[in-house]
Amino acid sequence: MRRRILLISLLVTTLAIIIYSLVSTQLYYNITVEEKRDSLAVYVNAFSPEDYSLDNDGAKAFSALLNGARVTFMTAEGHVIGESEAEEIETDHSDREEVREAISSGEGYSVRSSDTVGRDMMYYCAAVNVEGTTYLVRVAETLTSSWSMYVRLLPSLAVFFIIDILGCLVFTLIATTFILRPVEELTREAAGGGIVKTNHSELSTIADILNERNRNIEWKMAELEDEKKLVEKAQESKNEFISNITHEMNTPLTSIKGYAELLSSGMMSEEQKQVAYKTISSQSERLTNLIACIINYNEIDDDTLPPYDVDLSKLAREMIEVVRPEAEKRGVTIIDKISDNVIVKSRHELMTQLVGNLTRNAIRYNKEGGTVTIELDYKHLVVSDTGIGIAPENMDKVFSRFFTVDKSHSGKNGGFGLGLAVCRKICRRSGWRISVESELGKGSTFTVDFGMR
């Protein structure tokens, strides 16, 4: 605690000294700039076109009068015609700040590092009239930068820092002796267990906190144990997720690699090549779809866009029309029991995934000539089918990632077992509950409870 008080007090006072010195240096620098600008204006006013020619010689002569100040003569457009210092000069200074201001308003100034002479300079430029023609006269002098001023101040600052350290040491000694001693006694008492009491009213809050801490230790330990279990479960889930991804990717990759090797060997007939090309194309598309599904699954957690009112009745009927060709191809009849004007708080793309996944699964895992019934009201969404059903031992895995009730369907229909996992994520995001009831060989019913009353 003593060290902390000392460090904090040193930090605060040191920052105060540094900030004050920086501000003071900047203020002094600004004053210096103003004074320098005024003196350069006086220099320019001393220019007489009768006494100095507008060329390098005239510039050097005028510079000698000004005690070595840099002098530049330019045309009204900013083209250099005379320079007192640099041997090689740029001919066009029209892009310089002080020159632009002089061209537009008759005078201008700026402070910058000069690329020509290689020093920090202050420039003052003014328009002058010579025999009816306008020229620009620019005078510049070196200027001590604010950083250089600050460096000169460092020895004085060192003295202040030494005084500051001594003052902070004295303050820390007083604080720990007269202020923190009761706190230390209270802490030692709390470490011994039991009820903590204090005669200092200012420390009564601390005593209450310490007593509450003792009462909550057991609860905290239990909470930490629960968190440890959650972390272990999350790690197991991560490992399972990676294992499932690897398994799902391995099948198309194996097919692609195998056929690619056969094609490269040159030992396949034209008919076999066409089969290989078709297989590589279909497996590549399947691999692409798998990656897209995984990205979509993970993006749901990262989505921070706000929800809005979605007409779920309209969306569900539109989805029925979208999947109807697939249903008719499988001989499945879709029964519409959708109430009008069911509005939910979500987003259109999320509801499209929810209704679409449930409906397509009901068609995909149905029997020839079966039915899919979609019921919707303000309380719940129910999607029922007369399909293959789910075995009792698989009921707790239905909403897991990469789980399919019929592994043959995964390869046949292109499913990856992420549809229902996405549905569960969407429902959890919205605060809804999704559940399933099923009987093997007779069908399944998925219910989304909106929790509305």
Protein backbone atom coordinates (compact mmCIF):
# COMPACT_ATOMS: atom_id res chain seq x y z
CA MET A 1 0.00 0.00 0.00
CA ARG A 2 2.83 2.40 0.84
CA ARG A 3 4.46 1.68 -2.47
CA ARG A 4 1.16 2.16 -4.28
CA ILE A 5 0.50 5.52 -2.63
CA LEU A 6 4.04 6.62 -3.43
CA LEU A 7 3.78 5.51 -7.04
CA ILE A 8 0.35 7.10 -7.54
CA SER A 9 1.39 10.39 -5.99
CA LEU A 10 4.60 10.39 -8.06
CA LEU A 11 2.65 9.59 -11.20
CA VAL A 12 0.07 12.33 -10.64
CA THR A 13 2.58 15.03 -9.73
CA THR A 14 5.00 14.01 -12.47
CA LEU A 15 2.24 14.16 -15.06
CA ALA A 16 1.22 17.57 -13.70
CA ILE A 17 4.78 18.89 -13.99
CA ILE A 18 5.21 17.48 -17.49
CA ILE A 19 1.86 18.82 -18.71
CA TYR A 20 2.50 22.23 -17.16
CA SER A 21 5.98 22.42 -18.69
CA LEU A 22 4.69 21.36 -22.11
CA VAL A 23 1.85 23.89 -22.02
CA SER A 24 4.18 26.64 -20.81
CA THR A 25 6.72 25.83 -23.51
CA GLN A 26 4.03 25.88 -26.17
CA LEU A 27 2.71 29.23 -24.94
CA TYR A 28 6.21 30.68 -24.95
CA TYR A 29 6.79 29.23 -28.42
CA ASN A 30 3.57 30.82 -29.70
CA ILE A 31 4.67 34.20 -28.29
CA THR A 32 8.05 33.77 -29.98
CA VAL A 33 6.33 33.01 -33.30
CA GLU A 34 4.20 36.17 -33.02
CA GLU A 35 7.23 38.32 -32.23
CA LYS A 36 9.24 36.76 -35.05
CA ARG A 37 6.43 37.35 -37.51
CA ASP A 38 6.23 41.04 -36.54
CA SER A 39 10.00 41.46 -36.95
CA LEU A 40 9.94 39.78 -40.38
CA ALA A 41 7.11 42.09 -41.44
CA VAL A 42 9.30 45.05 -40.49
CA TYR A 43 12.14 43.55 -42.57
CA VAL A 44 9.94 43.28 -45.65
CA ASN A 45 8.70 46.83 -45.19
CA ALA A 46 12.36 47.96 -45.30
CA PHE A 47 12.75 46.61 -48.84
CA SER A 48 13.30 49.26 -51.51
CA PRO A 49 13.26 48.20 -55.20
CA GLU A 50 15.50 51.16 -56.04
CA ASP A 51 18.28 49.81 -53.81
CA TYR A 52 18.15 46.09 -54.58
CA SER A 53 17.80 44.24 -57.86
CA LEU A 54 15.32 41.36 -58.01
CA ASP A 55 17.93 38.63 -58.53
CA ASN A 56 20.36 36.54 -56.45
CA ASP A 57 22.75 39.45 -55.95
CA GLY A 58 19.97 41.75 -54.82
CA ALA A 59 18.67 39.06 -52.48
CA LYS A 60 22.11 38.57 -50.93
CA ALA A 61 22.58 42.32 -50.51
CA PHE A 62 19.19 42.73 -48.85
CA SER A 63 19.97 39.68 -46.64
CA ALA A 64 23.21 41.35 -45.50
CA LEU A 65 21.19 44.40 -44.44
CA LEU A 66 18.91 42.12 -42.41
CA ASN A 67 21.78 40.47 -40.54
CA GLY A 68 21.75 37.32 -42.63
CA ALA A 69 18.03 36.70 -42.87
CA ARG A 70 17.12 34.53 -45.84
CA VAL A 71 15.61 36.56 -48.72
CA THR A 72 13.68 35.24 -51.71
CA PHE A 73 12.32 37.28 -54.65
CA MET A 74 9.45 35.81 -56.67
CA THR A 75 7.10 36.78 -59.45
CA ALA A 76 3.44 37.41 -58.66
CA GLU A 77 2.78 33.76 -59.54
CA GLY A 78 5.32 32.40 -57.04
CA HIS A 79 8.22 31.63 -59.39
CA VAL A 80 11.63 32.26 -57.77
CA ILE A 81 13.83 34.88 -59.46
CA GLY A 82 16.30 35.53 -56.65
CA GLU A 83 17.54 33.68 -53.54
CA SER A 84 20.08 34.71 -50.90
CA GLU A 85 21.18 31.32 -49.51
CA ALA A 86 20.55 28.17 -51.51
CA GLU A 87 22.68 27.44 -54.54
CA GLU A 88 20.13 25.09 -56.07
CA ILE A 89 16.57 26.28 -55.56
CA GLU A 90 13.13 25.23 -56.65
CA THR A 91 11.81 27.63 -59.27
CA ASP A 92 8.17 27.34 -58.23
CA HIS A 93 7.09 28.22 -54.67
CA SER A 94 3.43 28.81 -55.46
CA ASP A 95 2.44 25.78 -53.37
CA ARG A 96 4.03 27.17 -50.18
CA GLU A 97 1.53 28.33 -47.59
CA GLU A 98 2.94 31.84 -47.10
CA VAL A 99 3.22 32.34 -50.87
CA ARG A 100 -0.38 31.24 -51.46
CA GLU A 101 -1.60 33.69 -48.81
CA ALA A 102 0.53 36.53 -50.25
CA ILE A 103 -0.82 35.89 -53.74
CA SER A 104 -4.43 35.91 -52.52
CA SER A 105 -4.35 38.57 -49.78
CA GLY A 106 -1.08 40.45 -50.14
CA GLU A 107 0.80 38.88 -47.24
CA GLY A 108 1.23 35.53 -45.51
CA TYR A 109 3.43 33.62 -43.13
CA SER A 110 4.15 30.03 -42.09
CA VAL A 111 6.49 27.98 -39.93
CA ARG A 112 7.98 24.75 -41.26
CA SER A 113 11.14 22.82 -41.94
CA SER A 114 12.86 24.12 -45.06
CA ASP A 115 13.81 21.40 -47.53
CA THR A 116 16.04 23.92 -49.34
CA VAL A 117 18.25 25.03 -46.46
CA GLY A 118 17.60 22.10 -44.14
CA ARG A 119 16.47 24.05 -41.02
CA ASP A 120 13.27 25.02 -39.23
CA MET A 121 12.29 28.39 -40.59
CA MET A 122 9.64 31.09 -40.20
CA TYR A 123 8.62 32.67 -43.50
CA TYR A 124 6.92 36.03 -44.10
CA CYS A 125 5.91 36.90 -47.65
CA ALA A 126 4.40 40.12 -48.95
CA ALA A 127 3.49 41.55 -52.34
CA VAL A 128 5.38 44.67 -53.49
CA ASN A 129 4.90 46.88 -56.50
CA VAL A 130 7.93 47.55 -58.68
CA GLU A 131 7.33 49.91 -61.61
CA GLY A 132 3.73 48.82 -61.96
CA THR A 133 4.52 45.08 -61.69
CA THR A 134 3.70 42.99 -58.64
CA TYR A 135 6.46 40.87 -57.13
CA LEU A 136 6.67 38.81 -53.96
CA VAL A 137 9.36 39.39 -51.34
CA ARG A 138 9.83 36.67 -48.77
CA VAL A 139 12.03 36.95 -45.69
CA ALA A 140 12.82 33.97 -43.43
CA GLU A 141 14.79 33.38 -40.25
CA THR A 142 15.61 30.28 -38.29
CA LEU A 143 13.25 29.55 -35.43
CA THR A 144 13.91 27.57 -32.31
CA SER A 145 11.37 24.72 -32.27
CA SER A 146 9.13 24.11 -29.31
CA TRP A 147 10.95 20.81 -28.73
CA SER A 148 14.31 22.57 -28.57
CA MET A 149 12.87 25.02 -26.07
CA TYR A 150 11.60 22.11 -24.00
CA VAL A 151 15.03 20.41 -24.08
CA ARG A 152 16.60 23.58 -22.70
CA LEU A 153 14.06 23.46 -19.88
CA LEU A 154 14.98 19.90 -18.85
CA PRO A 155 17.71 20.83 -16.32
CA SER A 156 15.22 23.01 -14.44
CA LEU A 157 12.63 20.25 -14.63
CA ALA A 158 15.10 17.81 -13.09
CA VAL A 159 15.28 20.01 -9.99
CA PHE A 160 11.48 20.06 -9.77
CA PHE A 161 11.37 16.28 -10.11
CA ILE A 162 13.81 15.85 -7.23
CA ILE A 163 11.71 18.15 -5.04
CA ASP A 164 8.59 16.25 -6.17
CA ILE A 165 10.08 12.88 -5.15
CA LEU A 166 11.02 14.17 -1.71
CA GLY A 167 7.55 15.67 -1.24
CA CYS A 168 5.85 12.43 -2.28
CA LEU A 169 8.01 10.44 0.16
CA VAL A 170 6.97 12.73 3.02
CA PHE A 171 3.31 12.54 1.99
CA THR A 172 3.45 8.73 1.78
CA LEU A 173 5.01 8.49 5.25
CA ILE A 174 2.27 10.67 6.75
CA ALA A 175 -0.51 8.85 4.90
CA THR A 176 0.62 5.38 5.93
CA THR A 177 1.30 6.38 9.55
CA PHE A 178 -1.86 8.31 10.38
CA ILE A 179 -4.38 7.11 7.80
CA LEU A 180 -3.60 3.54 6.78
CA ARG A 181 -2.68 2.10 10.19
CA PRO A 182 -6.36 1.52 11.19
CA VAL A 183 -6.94 -0.14 7.83
CA GLU A 184 -3.99 -2.47 8.38
CA GLU A 185 -5.31 -3.41 11.82
CA LEU A 186 -8.73 -4.11 10.33
CA THR A 187 -7.20 -6.28 7.61
CA ARG A 188 -5.20 -8.33 10.11
CA GLU A 189 -8.37 -8.87 12.16
CA ALA A 190 -10.27 -9.99 9.06
CA ALA A 191 -7.51 -12.44 8.15
CA GLY A 192 -8.06 -14.17 11.48
CA GLY A 193 -11.68 -14.92 10.63
CA GLY A 194 -14.84 -14.15 12.57
CA ILE A 195 -16.78 -10.89 12.76
CA VAL A 196 -14.75 -7.74 12.08
CA LYS A 197 -15.48 -4.60 14.13
CA THR A 198 -13.99 -1.10 14.02
CA ASN A 199 -14.19 2.06 16.12
CA HIS A 200 -13.70 4.27 13.08
CA SER A 201 -16.98 5.17 11.41
CA GLU A 202 -15.17 5.86 8.16
CA LEU A 203 -14.07 2.21 8.04
CA SER A 204 -17.44 0.69 8.86
CA THR A 205 -18.17 0.12 5.19
CA ILE A 206 -14.88 -1.76 4.81
CA ALA A 207 -15.73 -3.88 7.84
CA ASP A 208 -19.12 -4.75 6.34
CA ILE A 209 -17.45 -5.70 3.07
CA LEU A 210 -14.94 -7.95 4.83
CA ASN A 211 -17.70 -9.66 6.80
CA GLU A 212 -19.70 -10.16 3.61
CA ARG A 213 -16.60 -11.55 1.94
CA ASN A 214 -16.27 -14.22 4.60
CA ARG A 215 -19.89 -15.21 4.10
CA ASN A 216 -19.48 -15.46 0.34
CA ILE A 217 -16.26 -17.46 0.16
CA GLU A 218 -18.04 -20.79 -0.06
CA TRP A 219 -20.41 -19.50 -2.74
CA LYS A 220 -17.52 -18.09 -4.75
CA MET A 221 -15.68 -21.41 -4.62
CA ALA A 222 -18.77 -23.19 -5.91
CA GLU A 223 -19.12 -20.63 -8.68
CA LEU A 224 -15.49 -21.11 -9.69
CA GLU A 225 -16.03 -24.85 -9.82
CA ASP A 226 -19.06 -24.35 -12.09
CA GLU A 227 -17.05 -22.04 -14.33
CA LYS A 228 -14.30 -24.62 -14.52
CA LYS A 229 -16.81 -27.21 -15.67
CA LEU A 230 -18.17 -24.79 -18.28
CA VAL A 231 -14.67 -24.16 -19.60
CA GLU A 232 -13.99 -27.87 -19.81
CA LYS A 233 -17.32 -28.37 -21.58
CA ALA A 234 -16.53 -25.54 -24.00
CA GLN A 235 -13.16 -27.10 -24.74
CA GLU A 236 -14.80 -30.47 -25.38
CA SER A 237 -17.33 -28.76 -27.65
CA LYS A 238 -14.52 -27.00 -29.52
CA ASN A 239 -12.62 -30.25 -29.99
CA GLU A 240 -15.78 -31.98 -31.17
CA PHE A 241 -16.51 -29.11 -33.56
CA ILE A 242 -13.01 -29.31 -35.07
CA SER A 243 -13.27 -33.09 -35.33
CA ASN A 244 -16.64 -32.84 -37.11
CA ILE A 245 -15.35 -30.20 -39.53
CA THR A 246 -12.33 -32.38 -40.31
CA HIS A 247 -14.57 -35.38 -40.91
CA GLU A 248 -17.00 -33.47 -43.14
CA MET A 249 -14.18 -31.94 -45.20
CA ASN A 250 -12.24 -35.19 -45.51
CA THR A 251 -14.82 -36.92 -47.73
CA PRO A 252 -14.93 -34.36 -50.58
CA LEU A 253 -11.20 -33.69 -50.30
CA THR A 254 -10.45 -37.41 -50.59
CA SER A 255 -12.65 -37.68 -53.70
CA ILE A 256 -11.10 -34.61 -55.30
CA LYS A 257 -7.55 -35.79 -54.55
CA GLY A 258 -8.22 -39.32 -55.76
CA TYR A 259 -9.76 -38.34 -59.08
CA ALA A 260 -7.13 -35.63 -59.61
CA GLU A 261 -4.38 -38.26 -59.23
CA LEU A 262 -6.18 -40.59 -61.65
CA LEU A 263 -6.55 -37.78 -64.20
CA SER A 264 -2.88 -36.84 -63.89
CA SER A 265 -1.87 -40.46 -64.51
CA GLY A 266 -3.40 -40.34 -68.02
CA MET A 267 -4.77 -43.87 -67.70
CA MET A 268 -8.49 -43.02 -67.77
CA SER A 269 -10.83 -43.35 -70.72
CA GLU A 270 -12.80 -40.34 -71.95
CA GLU A 271 -15.95 -41.65 -70.25
CA GLN A 272 -14.07 -42.14 -66.98
CA LYS A 273 -12.64 -38.63 -67.28
CA GLN A 274 -16.13 -37.16 -67.59
CA VAL A 275 -17.17 -39.02 -64.43
CA ALA A 276 -14.04 -37.72 -62.68
CA TYR A 277 -14.69 -34.13 -63.80
CA LYS A 278 -18.30 -34.33 -62.62
CA THR A 279 -17.26 -35.81 -59.26
CA ILE A 280 -14.54 -33.19 -58.66
CA SER A 281 -17.00 -30.41 -59.54
CA SER A 282 -19.76 -31.75 -57.26
CA GLN A 283 -17.39 -32.40 -54.35
CA SER A 284 -15.83 -28.93 -54.75
CA GLU A 285 -19.28 -27.40 -54.61
CA ARG A 286 -20.09 -29.47 -51.53
CA LEU A 287 -16.87 -28.30 -49.84
CA THR A 288 -17.71 -24.67 -50.72
CA ASN A 289 -21.22 -25.07 -49.29
CA LEU A 290 -19.80 -26.59 -46.10
CA ILE A 291 -17.46 -23.63 -45.59
CA ALA A 292 -20.32 -21.21 -46.24
CA CYS A 293 -22.51 -23.02 -43.69
CA ILE A 294 -19.75 -22.90 -41.06
CA ILE A 295 -19.16 -19.17 -41.66
CA ASN A 296 -22.90 -18.47 -41.42
CA TYR A 297 -23.15 -20.51 -38.21
CA ASN A 298 -20.34 -18.55 -36.55
CA GLU A 299 -21.54 -15.14 -37.81
CA ILE A 300 -24.81 -15.46 -35.87
CA ASP A 301 -22.93 -14.99 -32.58
CA ASP A 302 -21.01 -11.97 -33.92
CA ASP A 303 -24.10 -10.29 -35.36
CA THR A 304 -24.82 -7.05 -33.45
CA LEU A 305 -27.49 -5.55 -35.73
CA PRO A 306 -30.71 -4.57 -33.89
CA PRO A 307 -33.95 -6.55 -34.34
CA TYR A 308 -37.11 -5.14 -35.90
CA ASP A 309 -40.71 -6.24 -36.56
CA VAL A 310 -40.91 -9.12 -39.07
CA ASP A 311 -44.18 -10.34 -40.62
CA LEU A 312 -43.57 -14.04 -39.99
CA SER A 313 -46.89 -15.05 -41.60
CA LYS A 314 -45.91 -13.51 -44.92
CA LEU A 315 -42.37 -14.87 -44.70
CA ALA A 316 -43.54 -18.44 -43.90
CA ARG A 317 -45.95 -18.47 -46.87
CA GLU A 318 -43.20 -17.20 -49.15
CA MET A 319 -40.91 -19.97 -47.89
CA ILE A 320 -43.59 -22.58 -48.65
CA GLU A 321 -43.63 -21.43 -52.27
CA VAL A 322 -39.83 -21.58 -52.40
CA VAL A 323 -39.63 -25.20 -51.19
CA ARG A 324 -42.79 -26.45 -52.92
CA PRO A 325 -40.92 -27.70 -56.04
CA GLU A 326 -38.59 -29.75 -53.82
CA ALA A 327 -41.59 -31.14 -51.92
CA GLU A 328 -43.47 -32.05 -55.11
CA LYS A 329 -40.36 -33.77 -56.45
CA ARG A 330 -40.35 -35.98 -53.34
CA GLY A 331 -44.12 -36.45 -53.40
CA VAL A 332 -44.55 -34.52 -50.13
CA THR A 333 -47.66 -32.41 -49.48
CA ILE A 334 -47.31 -29.14 -47.55
CA ILE A 335 -50.28 -28.18 -45.31
CA ASP A 336 -50.61 -24.45 -44.50
CA LYS A 337 -52.04 -23.62 -41.05
CA ILE A 338 -50.56 -20.16 -40.81
CA SER A 339 -52.43 -17.38 -39.03
CA ASP A 340 -52.34 -13.91 -40.54
CA ASN A 341 -50.35 -10.96 -39.20
CA VAL A 342 -48.04 -12.81 -36.83
CA ILE A 343 -45.32 -10.24 -36.06
CA VAL A 344 -42.11 -11.19 -34.24
CA LYS A 345 -39.14 -9.12 -33.12
CA SER A 346 -36.16 -10.39 -35.09
CA ARG A 347 -34.65 -9.83 -38.53
CA HIS A 348 -35.81 -11.04 -41.94
CA GLU A 349 -32.66 -13.01 -42.79
CA LEU A 350 -32.68 -14.84 -39.43
CA MET A 351 -36.36 -15.80 -39.75
CA THR A 352 -35.72 -16.98 -43.31
CA GLN A 353 -33.04 -19.33 -42.00
CA LEU A 354 -35.21 -20.53 -39.10
CA VAL A 355 -38.33 -21.31 -41.17
CA GLY A 356 -36.30 -22.52 -44.15
CA ASN A 357 -34.18 -24.99 -42.17
CA LEU A 358 -37.15 -26.47 -40.30
CA THR A 359 -39.24 -26.78 -43.49
CA ARG A 360 -36.48 -28.23 -45.66
CA ASN A 361 -35.57 -30.78 -42.97
CA ALA A 362 -39.22 -31.82 -42.75
CA ILE A 363 -39.23 -32.41 -46.53
CA ARG A 364 -35.76 -33.96 -46.71
CA TYR A 365 -36.37 -36.56 -43.99
CA ASN A 366 -39.93 -37.33 -45.04
CA LYS A 367 -41.38 -40.39 -46.76
CA GLU A 368 -42.70 -40.57 -50.28
CA GLY A 369 -46.29 -39.36 -50.21
CA GLY A 370 -45.85 -37.87 -46.73
CA THR A 371 -47.01 -34.51 -45.43
CA VAL A 372 -45.43 -31.44 -43.84
CA THR A 373 -47.67 -29.27 -41.68
CA ILE A 374 -46.69 -25.70 -40.81
CA GLU A 375 -48.67 -24.09 -37.99
CA LEU A 376 -48.10 -20.50 -36.91
CA ASP A 377 -49.81 -18.21 -34.43
CA TYR A 378 -48.69 -15.47 -32.05
CA LYS A 379 -47.53 -18.09 -29.49
CA HIS A 380 -45.53 -20.57 -31.49
CA LEU A 381 -44.30 -21.95 -34.81
CA VAL A 382 -44.80 -25.70 -35.31
CA VAL A 383 -43.36 -27.73 -38.21
CA SER A 384 -44.51 -31.38 -38.29
CA ASP A 385 -43.67 -34.17 -40.73
CA THR A 386 -44.56 -37.81 -41.28
CA GLY A 387 -41.00 -38.84 -41.98
CA ILE A 388 -38.39 -41.22 -40.63
CA GLY A 389 -38.45 -39.82 -37.10
CA ILE A 390 -35.66 -39.71 -34.55
CA ALA A 391 -34.45 -42.56 -32.37
CA PRO A 392 -34.81 -41.92 -28.59
CA GLU A 393 -31.04 -42.16 -28.06
CA ASN A 394 -30.51 -39.34 -30.57
CA MET A 395 -33.08 -36.89 -29.21
CA ASP A 396 -30.51 -34.97 -27.14
CA LYS A 397 -28.21 -34.65 -30.17
CA VAL A 398 -30.71 -33.22 -32.65
CA PHE A 399 -29.59 -29.59 -32.21
CA SER A 400 -25.88 -30.44 -32.06
CA ARG A 401 -23.52 -29.32 -34.78
CA PHE A 402 -22.93 -31.77 -37.67
CA PHE A 403 -25.51 -34.24 -36.39
CA THR A 404 -27.88 -35.89 -38.88
CA VAL A 405 -30.48 -38.49 -37.98
CA ASP A 406 -29.78 -40.37 -41.20
CA LYS A 407 -26.14 -40.31 -42.32
CA SER A 408 -27.16 -41.38 -45.81
CA HIS A 409 -29.13 -38.16 -46.19
CA SER A 410 -26.05 -36.10 -45.44
CA GLY A 411 -24.36 -37.30 -48.57
CA LYS A 412 -27.49 -37.63 -50.70
CA ASN A 413 -29.04 -34.24 -50.09
CA GLY A 414 -25.98 -32.14 -49.28
CA GLY A 415 -26.87 -31.52 -45.65
CA PHE A 416 -24.15 -31.00 -43.07
CA GLY A 417 -26.10 -31.21 -39.81
CA LEU A 418 -25.84 -27.47 -39.12
CA GLY A 419 -29.41 -26.45 -39.94
CA LEU A 420 -30.97 -27.27 -36.57
CA ALA A 421 -27.90 -25.95 -34.73
CA VAL A 422 -28.47 -22.64 -36.54
CA CYS A 423 -32.14 -22.72 -35.55
CA ARG A 424 -31.21 -23.18 -31.89
CA LYS A 425 -28.75 -20.26 -32.08
CA ILE A 426 -31.39 -17.98 -33.62
CA CYS A 427 -33.95 -18.94 -30.97
CA ARG A 428 -31.52 -18.40 -28.09
CA ARG A 429 -30.59 -15.01 -29.57
CA SER A 430 -34.27 -14.00 -29.56
CA GLY A 431 -35.05 -15.48 -26.14
CA TRP A 432 -37.27 -18.23 -27.59
CA ARG A 433 -37.37 -21.95 -26.82
CA ILE A 434 -37.11 -24.62 -29.53
CA SER A 435 -38.02 -28.24 -28.81
CA VAL A 436 -38.69 -31.49 -30.66
CA GLU A 437 -41.01 -34.45 -30.25
CA SER A 438 -40.51 -37.51 -32.42
CA GLU A 439 -41.35 -41.17 -32.84
CA LEU A 440 -39.07 -43.37 -34.88
CA GLY A 441 -40.68 -44.25 -38.23
CA LYS A 442 -43.70 -41.94 -37.71
CA GLY A 443 -42.35 -38.41 -37.93
CA SER A 444 -41.16 -35.41 -35.93
CA THR A 445 -42.61 -32.14 -34.63
CA PHE A 446 -40.41 -29.08 -34.04
CA THR A 447 -41.89 -26.27 -31.93
CA VAL A 448 -40.59 -22.73 -31.49
CA ASP A 449 -42.20 -21.09 -28.46
CA PHE A 450 -42.11 -17.29 -28.80
CA GLY A 451 -42.87 -16.85 -25.10
CA MET A 452 -45.58 -14.27 -25.86
CA ARG A 453 -48.51 -13.81 -23.51
